[in-house]
Amino acid sequence: MSKTLRRLELKLLRWKLVYGRIEVDPEVLPAALDWLDGEIASLENEKQLLTV
C-alpha cells in the first residue's frame, strides 16, 4: 500500500472519530486522536524527506 493512500486512510479515520461517524468511548478518544496525529505526521515527514 502506498504511503499516500495510508496517510489519506488515517486522515479519514481521524475525521470519522472527530465528527462522530465512529462510535468510541470518550475516555479513549484523545489517545486515539494523538496516535493518529503521530502516524499522519510521521508519514508526512517521510514524504518530505523523499522530495528533498
PDB file of N, CA and C in Angstrom:
ATOM      1  N   MET A   1       0.866  -1.178   0.000  1.00  0.00           N
ATOM      2  CA  MET A   1       0.000   0.000   0.000  1.00  0.00           C
ATOM      3  C   MET A   1       0.906   1.233   0.000  1.00  0.00           C
ATOM      4  N   SER A   2       0.572   2.198  -0.804  1.00  0.00           N
ATOM      5  CA  SER A   2       1.396   3.395  -0.870  1.00  0.00           C
ATOM      6  C   SER A   2       1.234   4.233   0.390  1.00  0.00           C
ATOM      7  N   LYS A   3       2.249   4.990   0.691  1.00  0.00           N
ATOM      8  CA  LYS A   3       2.221   5.828   1.887  1.00  0.00           C
ATOM      9  C   LYS A   3       1.175   6.926   1.766  1.00  0.00           C
ATOM     10  N   THR A   4       0.959   7.420   0.557  1.00  0.00           N
ATOM     11  CA  THR A   4      -0.056   8.457   0.359  1.00  0.00           C
ATOM     12  C   THR A   4      -1.438   7.916   0.663  1.00  0.00           C
ATOM     13  N   LEU A   5      -1.724   6.720   0.187  1.00  0.00           N
ATOM     14  CA  LEU A   5      -3.021   6.112   0.451  1.00  0.00           C
ATOM     15  C   LEU A   5      -3.206   5.845   1.942  1.00  0.00           C
ATOM     16  N   ARG A   6      -2.160   5.348   2.586  1.00  0.00           N
ATOM     17  CA  ARG A   6      -2.230   5.091   4.036  1.00  0.00           C
ATOM     18  C   ARG A   6      -2.484   6.389   4.806  1.00  0.00           C
ATOM     19  N   ARG A   7      -1.803   7.465   4.408  1.00  0.00           N
ATOM     20  CA  ARG A   7      -1.983   8.757   5.068  1.00  0.00           C
ATOM     21  C   ARG A   7      -3.412   9.245   4.915  1.00  0.00           C
ATOM     22  N   LEU A   8      -3.974   9.094   3.726  1.00  0.00           N
ATOM     23  CA  LEU A   8      -5.350   9.518   3.492  1.00  0.00           C
ATOM     24  C   LEU A   8      -6.342   8.663   4.283  1.00  0.00           C
ATOM     25  N   GLU A   9      -6.064   7.365   4.391  1.00  0.00           N
ATOM     26  CA  GLU A   9      -6.933   6.497   5.191  1.00  0.00           C
ATOM     27  C   GLU A   9      -6.916   6.911   6.660  1.00  0.00           C
ATOM     28  N   LEU A  10      -5.733   7.259   7.172  1.00  0.00           N
ATOM     29  CA  LEU A  10      -5.636   7.695   8.562  1.00  0.00           C
ATOM     30  C   LEU A  10      -6.361   9.021   8.778  1.00  0.00           C
ATOM     31  N   LYS A  11      -6.245   9.932   7.805  1.00  0.00           N
ATOM     32  CA  LYS A  11      -6.954  11.207   7.920  1.00  0.00           C
ATOM     33  C   LYS A  11      -8.467  10.996   7.898  1.00  0.00           C
ATOM     34  N   LEU A  12      -8.940  10.074   7.073  1.00  0.00           N
ATOM     35  CA  LEU A  12     -10.363   9.762   7.031  1.00  0.00           C
ATOM     36  C   LEU A  12     -10.829   9.169   8.360  1.00  0.00           C
ATOM     37  N   LEU A  13     -10.044   8.267   8.906  1.00  0.00           N
ATOM     38  CA  LEU A  13     -10.374   7.674  10.196  1.00  0.00           C
ATOM     39  C   LEU A  13     -10.425   8.745  11.282  1.00  0.00           C
ATOM     40  N   ARG A  14      -9.472   9.669  11.270  1.00  0.00           N
ATOM     41  CA  ARG A  14      -9.462  10.759  12.246  1.00  0.00           C
ATOM     42  C   ARG A  14     -10.720  11.615  12.097  1.00  0.00           C
ATOM     43  N   TRP A  15     -11.070  11.939  10.865  1.00  0.00           N
ATOM     44  CA  TRP A  15     -12.265  12.749  10.611  1.00  0.00           C
ATOM     45  C   TRP A  15     -13.509  12.049  11.151  1.00  0.00           C
ATOM     46  N   LYS A  16     -13.604  10.754  10.903  1.00  0.00           N
ATOM     47  CA  LYS A  16     -14.759   9.993  11.382  1.00  0.00           C
ATOM     48  C   LYS A  16     -14.833   9.994  12.907  1.00  0.00           C
ATOM     49  N   LEU A  17     -13.697   9.914  13.563  1.00  0.00           N
ATOM     50  CA  LEU A  17     -13.683   9.952  15.030  1.00  0.00           C
ATOM     51  C   LEU A  17     -14.103  11.329  15.545  1.00  0.00           C
ATOM     52  N   VAL A  18     -13.564  12.376  14.941  1.00  0.00           N
ATOM     53  CA  VAL A  18     -13.848  13.740  15.401  1.00  0.00           C
ATOM     54  C   VAL A  18     -15.318  14.088  15.220  1.00  0.00           C
ATOM     55  N   TYR A  19     -15.904  13.697  14.107  1.00  0.00           N
ATOM     56  CA  TYR A  19     -17.280  14.097  13.806  1.00  0.00           C
ATOM     57  C   TYR A  19     -18.323  13.046  14.156  1.00  0.00           C
ATOM     58  N   GLY A  20     -17.921  12.057  14.933  1.00  0.00           N
ATOM     59  CA  GLY A  20     -18.880  11.102  15.475  1.00  0.00           C
ATOM     60  C   GLY A  20     -19.389  10.059  14.506  1.00  0.00           C
ATOM     61  N   ARG A  21     -18.700   9.837  13.429  1.00  0.00           N
ATOM     62  CA  ARG A  21     -19.111   8.804  12.466  1.00  0.00           C
ATOM     63  C   ARG A  21     -18.768   7.407  12.966  1.00  0.00           C
ATOM     64  N   ILE A  22     -17.810   7.351  13.910  1.00  0.00           N
ATOM     65  CA  ILE A  22     -17.429   6.095  14.534  1.00  0.00           C
ATOM     66  C   ILE A  22     -17.724   6.238  16.024  1.00  0.00           C
ATOM     67  N   GLU A  23     -18.409   5.263  16.573  1.00  0.00           N
ATOM     68  CA  GLU A  23     -18.721   5.306  17.995  1.00  0.00           C
ATOM     69  C   GLU A  23     -17.491   4.883  18.790  1.00  0.00           C
ATOM     70  N   VAL A  24     -17.107   5.731  19.739  1.00  0.00           N
ATOM     71  CA  VAL A  24     -15.905   5.457  20.530  1.00  0.00           C
ATOM     72  C   VAL A  24     -16.122   5.963  21.953  1.00  0.00           C
ATOM     73  N   ASP A  25     -15.491   5.291  22.897  1.00  0.00           N
ATOM     74  CA  ASP A  25     -15.561   5.695  24.301  1.00  0.00           C
ATOM     75  C   ASP A  25     -14.882   7.062  24.443  1.00  0.00           C
ATOM     76  N   PRO A  26     -15.544   8.039  25.040  1.00  0.00           N
ATOM     77  CA  PRO A  26     -14.959   9.379  25.176  1.00  0.00           C
ATOM     78  C   PRO A  26     -13.633   9.397  25.935  1.00  0.00           C
ATOM     79  N   GLU A  27     -13.405   8.404  26.791  1.00  0.00           N
ATOM     80  CA  GLU A  27     -12.153   8.375  27.541  1.00  0.00           C
ATOM     81  C   GLU A  27     -10.955   8.015  26.667  1.00  0.00           C
ATOM     82  N   VAL A  28     -11.174   7.264  25.612  1.00  0.00           N
ATOM     83  CA  VAL A  28     -10.055   6.859  24.755  1.00  0.00           C
ATOM     84  C   VAL A  28      -9.916   7.728  23.507  1.00  0.00           C
ATOM     85  N   LEU A  29     -10.876   8.597  23.259  1.00  0.00           N
ATOM     86  CA  LEU A  29     -10.828   9.435  22.058  1.00  0.00           C
ATOM     87  C   LEU A  29      -9.565  10.298  21.995  1.00  0.00           C
ATOM     88  N   PRO A  30      -9.191  11.008  23.063  1.00  0.00           N
ATOM     89  CA  PRO A  30      -7.966  11.818  22.960  1.00  0.00           C
ATOM     90  C   PRO A  30      -6.724  10.993  22.630  1.00  0.00           C
ATOM     91  N   ALA A  31      -6.593   9.827  23.224  1.00  0.00           N
ATOM     92  CA  ALA A  31      -5.435   8.973  22.943  1.00  0.00           C
ATOM     93  C   ALA A  31      -5.458   8.487  21.494  1.00  0.00           C
ATOM     94  N   ALA A  32      -6.641   8.141  20.994  1.00  0.00           N
ATOM     95  CA  ALA A  32      -6.766   7.682  19.607  1.00  0.00           C
ATOM     96  C   ALA A  32      -6.386   8.802  18.644  1.00  0.00           C
ATOM     97  N   LEU A  33      -6.848  10.016  18.923  1.00  0.00           N
ATOM     98  CA  LEU A  33      -6.521  11.150  18.052  1.00  0.00           C
ATOM     99  C   LEU A  33      -5.030  11.469  18.099  1.00  0.00           C
ATOM    100  N   ASP A  34      -4.431  11.390  19.285  1.00  0.00           N
ATOM    101  CA  ASP A  34      -2.987  11.621  19.399  1.00  0.00           C
ATOM    102  C   ASP A  34      -2.210  10.596  18.591  1.00  0.00           C
ATOM    103  N   TRP A  35      -2.616   9.333  18.682  1.00  0.00           N
ATOM    104  CA  TRP A  35      -1.922   8.286  17.940  1.00  0.00           C
ATOM    105  C   TRP A  35      -2.059   8.531  16.436  1.00  0.00           C
ATOM    106  N   LEU A  36      -3.274   8.841  15.997  1.00  0.00           N
ATOM    107  CA  LEU A  36      -3.486   9.097  14.571  1.00  0.00           C
ATOM    108  C   LEU A  36      -2.668  10.295  14.099  1.00  0.00           C
ATOM    109  N   ASP A  37      -2.647  11.361  14.894  1.00  0.00           N
ATOM    110  CA  ASP A  37      -1.865  12.542  14.519  1.00  0.00           C
ATOM    111  C   ASP A  37      -0.386  12.198  14.387  1.00  0.00           C
ATOM    112  N   GLY A  38       0.121  11.366  15.286  1.00  0.00           N
ATOM    113  CA  GLY A  38       1.515  10.958  15.215  1.00  0.00           C
ATOM    114  C   GLY A  38       1.815  10.124  13.975  1.00  0.00           C
ATOM    115  N   GLU A  39       0.919   9.209  13.661  1.00  0.00           N
ATOM    116  CA  GLU A  39       1.106   8.380  12.463  1.00  0.00           C
ATOM    117  C   GLU A  39       1.060   9.231  11.191  1.00  0.00           C
ATOM    118  N   ILE A  40       0.110  10.146  11.129  1.00  0.00           N
ATOM    119  CA  ILE A  40      -0.016  11.025   9.960  1.00  0.00           C
ATOM    120  C   ILE A  40       1.229  11.898   9.821  1.00  0.00           C
ATOM    121  N   ALA A  41       1.687  12.459  10.939  1.00  0.00           N
ATOM    122  CA  ALA A  41       2.876  13.313  10.908  1.00  0.00           C
ATOM    123  C   ALA A  41       4.107  12.539  10.456  1.00  0.00           C
ATOM    124  N   SER A  42       4.259  11.313  10.922  1.00  0.00           N
ATOM    125  CA  SER A  42       5.433  10.535  10.519  1.00  0.00           C
ATOM    126  C   SER A  42       5.395  10.221   9.026  1.00  0.00           C
ATOM    127  N   LEU A  43       4.219   9.922   8.507  1.00  0.00           N
ATOM    128  CA  LEU A  43       4.111   9.661   7.067  1.00  0.00           C
ATOM    129  C   LEU A  43       4.382  10.935   6.261  1.00  0.00           C
ATOM    130  N   GLU A  44       3.921  12.070   6.760  1.00  0.00           N
ATOM    131  CA  GLU A  44       4.166  13.329   6.046  1.00  0.00           C
ATOM    132  C   GLU A  44       5.644  13.698   6.102  1.00  0.00           C
ATOM    133  N   ASN A  45       6.317  13.425   7.228  1.00  0.00           N
ATOM    134  CA  ASN A  45       7.748  13.692   7.329  1.00  0.00           C
ATOM    135  C   ASN A  45       8.528  12.818   6.367  1.00  0.00           C
ATOM    136  N   GLU A  46       8.140  11.550   6.249  1.00  0.00           N
ATOM    137  CA  GLU A  46       8.812  10.661   5.290  1.00  0.00           C
ATOM    138  C   GLU A  46       8.625  11.161   3.873  1.00  0.00           C
ATOM    139  N   LYS A  47       7.435  11.677   3.580  1.00  0.00           N
ATOM    140  CA  LYS A  47       7.162  12.205   2.244  1.00  0.00           C
ATOM    141  C   LYS A  47       8.050  13.414   1.960  1.00  0.00           C
ATOM    142  N   GLN A  48       8.213  14.294   2.949  1.00  0.00           N
ATOM    143  CA  GLN A  48       9.045  15.485   2.775  1.00  0.00           C
ATOM    144  C   GLN A  48      10.499  15.099   2.576  1.00  0.00           C
ATOM    145  N   LEU A  49      10.972  14.089   3.301  1.00  0.00           N
ATOM    146  CA  LEU A  49      12.353  13.667   3.161  1.00  0.00           C
ATOM    147  C   LEU A  49      12.626  13.092   1.767  1.00  0.00           C
ATOM    148  N   LEU A  50      11.632  12.431   1.201  1.00  0.00           N
ATOM    149  CA  LEU A  50      11.806  11.847  -0.127  1.00  0.00           C
ATOM    150  C   LEU A  50      11.816  12.896  -1.223  1.00  0.00           C
ATOM    151  N   THR A  51      11.146  14.031  -1.015  1.00  0.00           N
ATOM    152  CA  THR A  51      11.055  15.052  -2.057  1.00  0.00           C
ATOM    153  C   THR A  51      12.208  16.040  -2.003  1.00  0.00           C
ATOM    154  N   VAL A  52      13.017  16.008  -0.945  1.00  0.00           N
ATOM    155  CA  VAL A  52      14.142  16.962  -0.816  1.00  0.00           C
ATOM    156  C   VAL A  52      15.317  16.475  -1.604  1.00  0.00           C
TER     157      VAL A  52
END
